[in-house]
Amino acid sequence: MRRLRIFLALATALVSVTFSAGARAQGLAPSTLGGDSRSDEGTNDVVQVITAKTAPAIPKKTRKLLTESVRKSAEKPVRVAVQKPTQAVEKAPSRATFAMDPVRPMNQPTVNQTTQHASHFSFKTADGKRESVPVISQYYPKRIVYPYAKVDRRIDNRLVQAATLAQERAHAHSRSRCWHYVKDALLASGVIDSRPKTELARDAASELVNNYGFKRLSITDPFAAPVGSVLVYGTARSVGHVELRTKDGFVSDFRSPTPSRRPLMGVYAKL
């Protein structure tokens, strides 16, 4: 009798575990794969299999209770967990990054940091001598433009070469040796065959005319003098000045865009 009770208790526990597992499997199954009839058939099959195995040992009363519990469990509607479609979670837009401009002080005047150079520029010539020229730091829209000299085909072409040589050897400022530098240029170009002997610049006119074949041109404006002509300045009481006319100025021992301010004695050239 004691063994029979233990056996019944084990059988009842086994049946309850089996049915609970089956009900849970049916609850998790999708609704489209099976209906009530299929679940009933599956349940009856399980019950029949287990009953067939345990029928010889289970009395009729216990079998009846088990059958009723199976029917009640089959009649209860099975709640199928409907899986809701997952909504796509929109990612929050990332914060826009802005390029921050550097902070600038307000109402500050613009400062030009360019350094101002000296009024003169120093340099060395090919002979190793140090020279300086003025530096133009400002623009003048109405700047005075001096006329260019013309080339006269009547005068000796070697005078044009003499003016070029004198310009190459001249300095930026006067050395008080104007007639000396003009002598060197005339001799180097070959327009004269010997060096003049006079010392004063005012005497250059008479020596060039008397000893080297120069002639005085009918020109009273220094800017109208042709390229290569010799201009002599001075008075009877002054030392005077001598210079050669270049295309864009006048040259002796220094270069200048304008003629001398001394009185013009005459313009001379060799024809």
Protein backbone atom coordinates (compact mmCIF):
# COMPACT_ATOMS: atom_id res chain seq x y z
CA MET A 1 0.00 0.00 0.00
CA ARG A 2 2.82 2.37 0.82
CA ARG A 3 4.56 1.62 -2.44
CA LEU A 4 1.38 2.31 -4.35
CA ARG A 5 1.06 5.80 -2.83
CA ILE A 6 4.66 6.64 -3.65
CA PHE A 7 4.17 5.46 -7.20
CA LEU A 8 1.00 7.50 -7.62
CA ALA A 9 2.70 10.60 -6.31
CA LEU A 10 5.60 10.20 -8.75
CA ALA A 11 3.24 9.58 -11.65
CA THR A 12 1.15 12.62 -10.80
CA ALA A 13 4.28 14.85 -10.60
CA LEU A 14 5.55 13.49 -13.93
CA VAL A 15 2.23 14.12 -15.67
CA SER A 16 1.96 17.66 -14.30
CA VAL A 17 5.52 18.51 -15.40
CA THR A 18 4.89 17.08 -18.88
CA PHE A 19 1.64 18.98 -19.37
CA SER A 20 3.08 22.23 -18.09
CA ALA A 21 5.99 21.93 -20.55
CA GLY A 22 3.61 21.21 -23.42
CA ALA A 23 1.37 24.17 -22.54
CA ARG A 24 4.35 26.45 -22.40
CA ALA A 25 5.59 25.23 -25.78
CA GLN A 26 2.16 25.88 -27.30
CA GLY A 27 2.10 29.39 -25.81
CA LEU A 28 5.44 30.26 -27.36
CA ALA A 29 4.56 28.83 -30.78
CA PRO A 30 3.32 31.35 -33.45
CA SER A 31 -0.41 31.49 -34.14
CA THR A 32 -0.06 30.76 -37.87
CA LEU A 33 1.64 27.42 -37.38
CA GLY A 34 -1.04 25.70 -35.43
CA GLY A 35 -4.69 26.00 -34.30
CA ASP A 36 -6.80 24.58 -31.49
CA SER A 37 -7.39 21.24 -33.25
CA ARG A 38 -3.67 20.64 -33.74
CA SER A 39 -2.90 21.56 -30.13
CA ASP A 40 -5.66 19.25 -28.97
CA GLU A 41 -4.34 16.42 -31.07
CA GLY A 42 -0.82 16.98 -29.77
CA THR A 43 -2.06 17.03 -26.21
CA ASN A 44 -4.19 13.92 -26.62
CA ASP A 45 -1.28 12.09 -28.21
CA VAL A 46 0.96 12.92 -25.31
CA VAL A 47 -1.69 11.94 -22.84
CA GLN A 48 -2.40 8.73 -24.66
CA VAL A 49 1.23 7.77 -24.79
CA ILE A 50 1.82 8.42 -21.15
CA THR A 51 -1.50 6.79 -20.21
CA ALA A 52 -0.72 3.75 -22.24
CA LYS A 53 2.52 3.31 -20.42
CA THR A 54 1.12 3.92 -16.96
CA ALA A 55 -2.34 2.41 -17.45
CA PRO A 56 -1.63 -0.93 -15.83
CA ALA A 57 -0.47 0.69 -12.61
CA ILE A 58 -2.90 3.67 -12.37
CA PRO A 59 -6.43 2.95 -11.03
CA LYS A 60 -9.55 4.20 -12.84
CA LYS A 61 -10.24 6.98 -10.35
CA THR A 62 -6.83 8.54 -10.84
CA ARG A 63 -7.08 8.14 -14.59
CA LYS A 64 -10.40 9.97 -14.61
CA LEU A 65 -8.91 12.89 -12.64
CA LEU A 66 -5.98 13.12 -15.01
CA THR A 67 -8.26 13.11 -18.09
CA GLU A 68 -10.43 15.91 -16.69
CA SER A 69 -7.36 18.05 -15.88
CA VAL A 70 -6.08 17.56 -19.42
CA ARG A 71 -9.44 18.65 -20.92
CA LYS A 72 -9.61 21.74 -18.74
CA SER A 73 -6.08 22.71 -19.73
CA ALA A 74 -6.95 22.19 -23.42
CA GLU A 75 -10.16 24.27 -23.18
CA LYS A 76 -8.34 27.28 -21.69
CA PRO A 77 -7.39 29.71 -24.42
CA VAL A 78 -3.70 29.86 -25.02
CA ARG A 79 -2.34 33.39 -25.01
CA VAL A 80 0.13 33.82 -27.76
CA ALA A 81 2.72 36.48 -27.15
CA VAL A 82 2.47 38.81 -30.09
CA GLN A 83 5.78 40.26 -30.91
CA LYS A 84 5.39 43.93 -31.67
CA PRO A 85 7.42 45.22 -34.56
CA THR A 86 10.42 47.03 -33.33
CA GLN A 87 10.38 50.65 -34.34
CA ALA A 88 13.55 52.01 -35.76
CA VAL A 89 14.94 54.37 -33.24
CA GLU A 90 16.05 57.49 -34.95
CA LYS A 91 19.37 58.62 -33.85
CA ALA A 92 19.43 62.07 -32.50
CA PRO A 93 21.15 64.35 -34.96
CA SER A 94 24.59 65.15 -33.87
CA ARG A 95 25.21 68.68 -32.86
CA ALA A 96 26.48 70.73 -35.74
CA THR A 97 29.99 71.91 -35.30
CA PHE A 98 30.63 75.55 -36.04
CA ALA A 99 34.01 77.01 -36.94
CA MET A 100 34.66 79.73 -34.47
CA ASP A 101 36.37 82.82 -35.84
CA PRO A 102 39.19 84.26 -33.77
CA VAL A 103 38.11 87.03 -31.48
CA ARG A 104 39.23 90.36 -32.82
CA PRO A 105 39.23 93.56 -30.83
CA MET A 106 36.71 96.09 -32.01
CA ASN A 107 37.45 99.63 -33.08
CA GLN A 108 41.15 98.99 -33.39
CA PRO A 109 42.98 100.85 -36.17
CA THR A 110 44.89 98.80 -38.69
CA VAL A 111 48.61 99.08 -38.04
CA ASN A 112 51.02 98.75 -40.91
CA GLN A 113 53.99 96.84 -39.55
CA THR A 114 56.21 97.44 -42.56
CA THR A 115 59.41 99.03 -41.51
CA GLN A 116 60.50 102.21 -43.23
CA HIS A 117 63.86 102.00 -44.88
CA ALA A 118 66.47 104.70 -44.90
CA SER A 119 66.26 107.50 -47.42
CA HIS A 120 69.31 106.17 -49.28
CA PHE A 121 70.35 102.71 -50.40
CA SER A 122 74.02 101.83 -50.18
CA PHE A 123 75.70 99.37 -52.55
CA LYS A 124 79.09 98.45 -54.00
CA THR A 125 79.98 98.99 -57.62
CA ALA A 126 81.93 96.60 -59.84
CA ASP A 127 85.10 98.47 -58.88
CA GLY A 128 84.44 97.82 -55.19
CA LYS A 129 83.39 101.39 -54.41
CA ARG A 130 80.47 102.02 -52.08
CA GLU A 131 77.69 104.18 -53.53
CA SER A 132 74.24 105.25 -52.38
CA VAL A 133 71.10 106.24 -54.24
CA PRO A 134 67.86 107.82 -52.95
CA VAL A 135 64.98 105.48 -52.19
CA ILE A 136 61.52 106.46 -53.44
CA SER A 137 59.10 105.77 -50.57
CA GLN A 138 56.02 107.58 -51.88
CA TYR A 139 54.12 107.70 -55.13
CA TYR A 140 53.47 111.03 -56.76
CA PRO A 141 50.76 110.84 -59.43
CA LYS A 142 51.81 114.19 -60.92
CA ARG A 143 55.54 113.57 -60.83
CA ILE A 144 57.62 115.72 -63.18
CA VAL A 145 58.81 113.74 -66.20
CA TYR A 146 61.86 115.16 -67.97
CA PRO A 147 62.10 114.81 -71.75
CA TYR A 148 64.43 112.25 -73.27
CA ALA A 149 67.35 113.38 -75.36
CA LYS A 150 67.34 112.74 -79.09
CA VAL A 151 70.11 111.22 -81.15
CA ASP A 152 71.51 113.56 -83.81
CA ARG A 153 72.91 111.60 -86.77
CA ARG A 154 75.21 114.50 -87.67
CA ILE A 155 77.45 114.23 -84.61
CA ASP A 156 80.18 111.64 -84.15
CA ASN A 157 78.81 108.33 -82.91
CA ARG A 158 81.78 107.99 -80.55
CA LEU A 159 80.31 110.78 -78.42
CA VAL A 160 77.29 108.57 -77.67
CA GLN A 161 79.73 105.86 -76.55
CA ALA A 162 81.55 108.41 -74.38
CA ALA A 163 78.27 109.31 -72.65
CA THR A 164 77.64 105.61 -71.97
CA LEU A 165 81.11 105.09 -70.50
CA ALA A 166 80.79 108.16 -68.31
CA GLN A 167 77.44 106.94 -67.00
CA GLU A 168 78.90 103.58 -66.08
CA ARG A 169 81.77 105.16 -64.15
CA ALA A 170 79.80 107.97 -62.48
CA HIS A 171 78.82 108.10 -58.81
CA ALA A 172 75.58 109.01 -57.13
CA HIS A 173 76.97 112.28 -55.79
CA SER A 174 79.50 114.79 -56.99
CA ARG A 175 83.20 114.33 -56.28
CA SER A 176 84.12 117.81 -57.62
CA ARG A 177 85.98 116.17 -60.52
CA CYS A 178 83.52 116.66 -63.39
CA TRP A 179 86.04 117.71 -66.06
CA HIS A 180 88.40 114.91 -65.04
CA TYR A 181 85.71 112.22 -65.58
CA VAL A 182 84.56 113.78 -68.88
CA LYS A 183 88.18 113.76 -70.13
CA ASP A 184 88.46 110.04 -69.33
CA ALA A 185 85.22 109.23 -71.15
CA LEU A 186 86.17 111.21 -74.27
CA LEU A 187 89.61 109.63 -74.39
CA ALA A 188 88.31 106.08 -73.77
CA SER A 189 85.74 106.34 -76.58
CA GLY A 190 88.39 107.54 -79.06
CA VAL A 191 86.67 110.79 -79.96
CA ILE A 192 89.90 112.58 -78.91
CA ASP A 193 93.41 111.22 -79.31
CA SER A 194 95.05 112.95 -76.31
CA ARG A 195 94.09 114.07 -72.88
CA PRO A 196 93.08 117.75 -72.50
CA LYS A 197 95.48 119.82 -70.35
CA THR A 198 93.18 122.46 -68.90
CA GLU A 199 92.28 122.19 -65.24
CA LEU A 200 89.18 124.35 -64.89
CA ALA A 201 85.86 123.17 -66.27
CA ARG A 202 85.05 126.59 -67.72
CA ASP A 203 88.13 126.27 -70.01
CA ALA A 204 86.89 123.00 -71.51
CA ALA A 205 84.90 124.79 -74.23
CA SER A 206 87.83 126.68 -75.73
CA GLU A 207 90.18 123.67 -75.60
CA LEU A 208 87.66 121.31 -77.26
CA VAL A 209 87.01 123.79 -80.06
CA ASN A 210 90.62 124.83 -80.63
CA ASN A 211 92.45 121.50 -80.21
CA TYR A 212 89.95 118.67 -80.92
CA GLY A 213 87.62 119.95 -83.64
CA PHE A 214 84.46 120.44 -81.60
CA LYS A 215 81.84 122.95 -82.72
CA ARG A 216 79.31 124.91 -80.76
CA LEU A 217 75.68 123.98 -81.48
CA SER A 218 72.93 126.56 -81.67
CA ILE A 219 71.18 125.19 -78.57
CA THR A 220 70.37 127.18 -75.44
CA ASP A 221 68.18 124.60 -73.62
CA PRO A 222 70.17 121.79 -71.93
CA PHE A 223 67.24 119.35 -72.40
CA ALA A 224 67.35 119.97 -76.16
CA ALA A 225 71.01 118.87 -76.37
CA PRO A 226 71.53 115.63 -78.36
CA VAL A 227 72.93 112.49 -76.79
CA GLY A 228 76.74 112.67 -76.43
CA SER A 229 77.04 116.43 -76.62
CA VAL A 230 79.28 118.27 -74.11
CA LEU A 231 77.65 121.00 -72.01
CA VAL A 232 79.92 123.64 -70.44
CA TYR A 233 78.71 125.90 -67.59
CA GLY A 234 80.30 128.77 -65.71
CA THR A 235 81.39 132.36 -65.68
CA ALA A 236 84.70 134.18 -65.77
CA ARG A 237 84.85 134.21 -61.97
CA SER A 238 83.78 130.60 -61.31
CA VAL A 239 85.37 127.19 -61.77
CA GLY A 240 82.49 126.05 -63.93
CA HIS A 241 81.05 122.63 -64.69
CA VAL A 242 81.22 120.13 -67.57
CA GLU A 243 78.82 117.21 -68.29
CA LEU A 244 77.71 114.89 -71.09
CA ARG A 245 74.11 114.52 -72.22
CA THR A 246 72.65 111.04 -71.86
CA LYS A 247 69.31 109.73 -73.03
CA ASP A 248 67.59 110.30 -69.70
CA GLY A 249 69.82 112.86 -67.94
CA PHE A 250 73.28 114.32 -67.53
CA VAL A 251 76.53 112.75 -66.35
CA SER A 252 80.01 113.83 -65.29
CA ASP A 253 81.53 112.45 -62.10
CA PHE A 254 77.93 111.83 -60.90
CA ARG A 255 74.56 111.13 -62.49
CA SER A 256 71.67 113.60 -62.48
CA PRO A 257 68.25 113.76 -64.20
CA THR A 258 68.49 117.55 -64.41
CA PRO A 259 71.21 119.84 -65.77
CA SER A 260 73.41 122.09 -63.68
CA ARG A 261 71.96 125.33 -62.34
CA ARG A 262 75.02 127.29 -63.40
CA PRO A 263 74.87 129.57 -66.44
CA LEU A 264 75.18 127.59 -69.68
CA MET A 265 78.18 128.72 -71.75
CA GLY A 266 77.38 126.45 -74.69
CA VAL A 267 76.66 122.97 -76.09
CA TYR A 268 79.50 121.40 -78.07
CA ALA A 269 79.85 118.35 -80.30
CA LYS A 270 82.17 116.88 -82.92
CA LEU A 271 80.46 116.55 -86.32
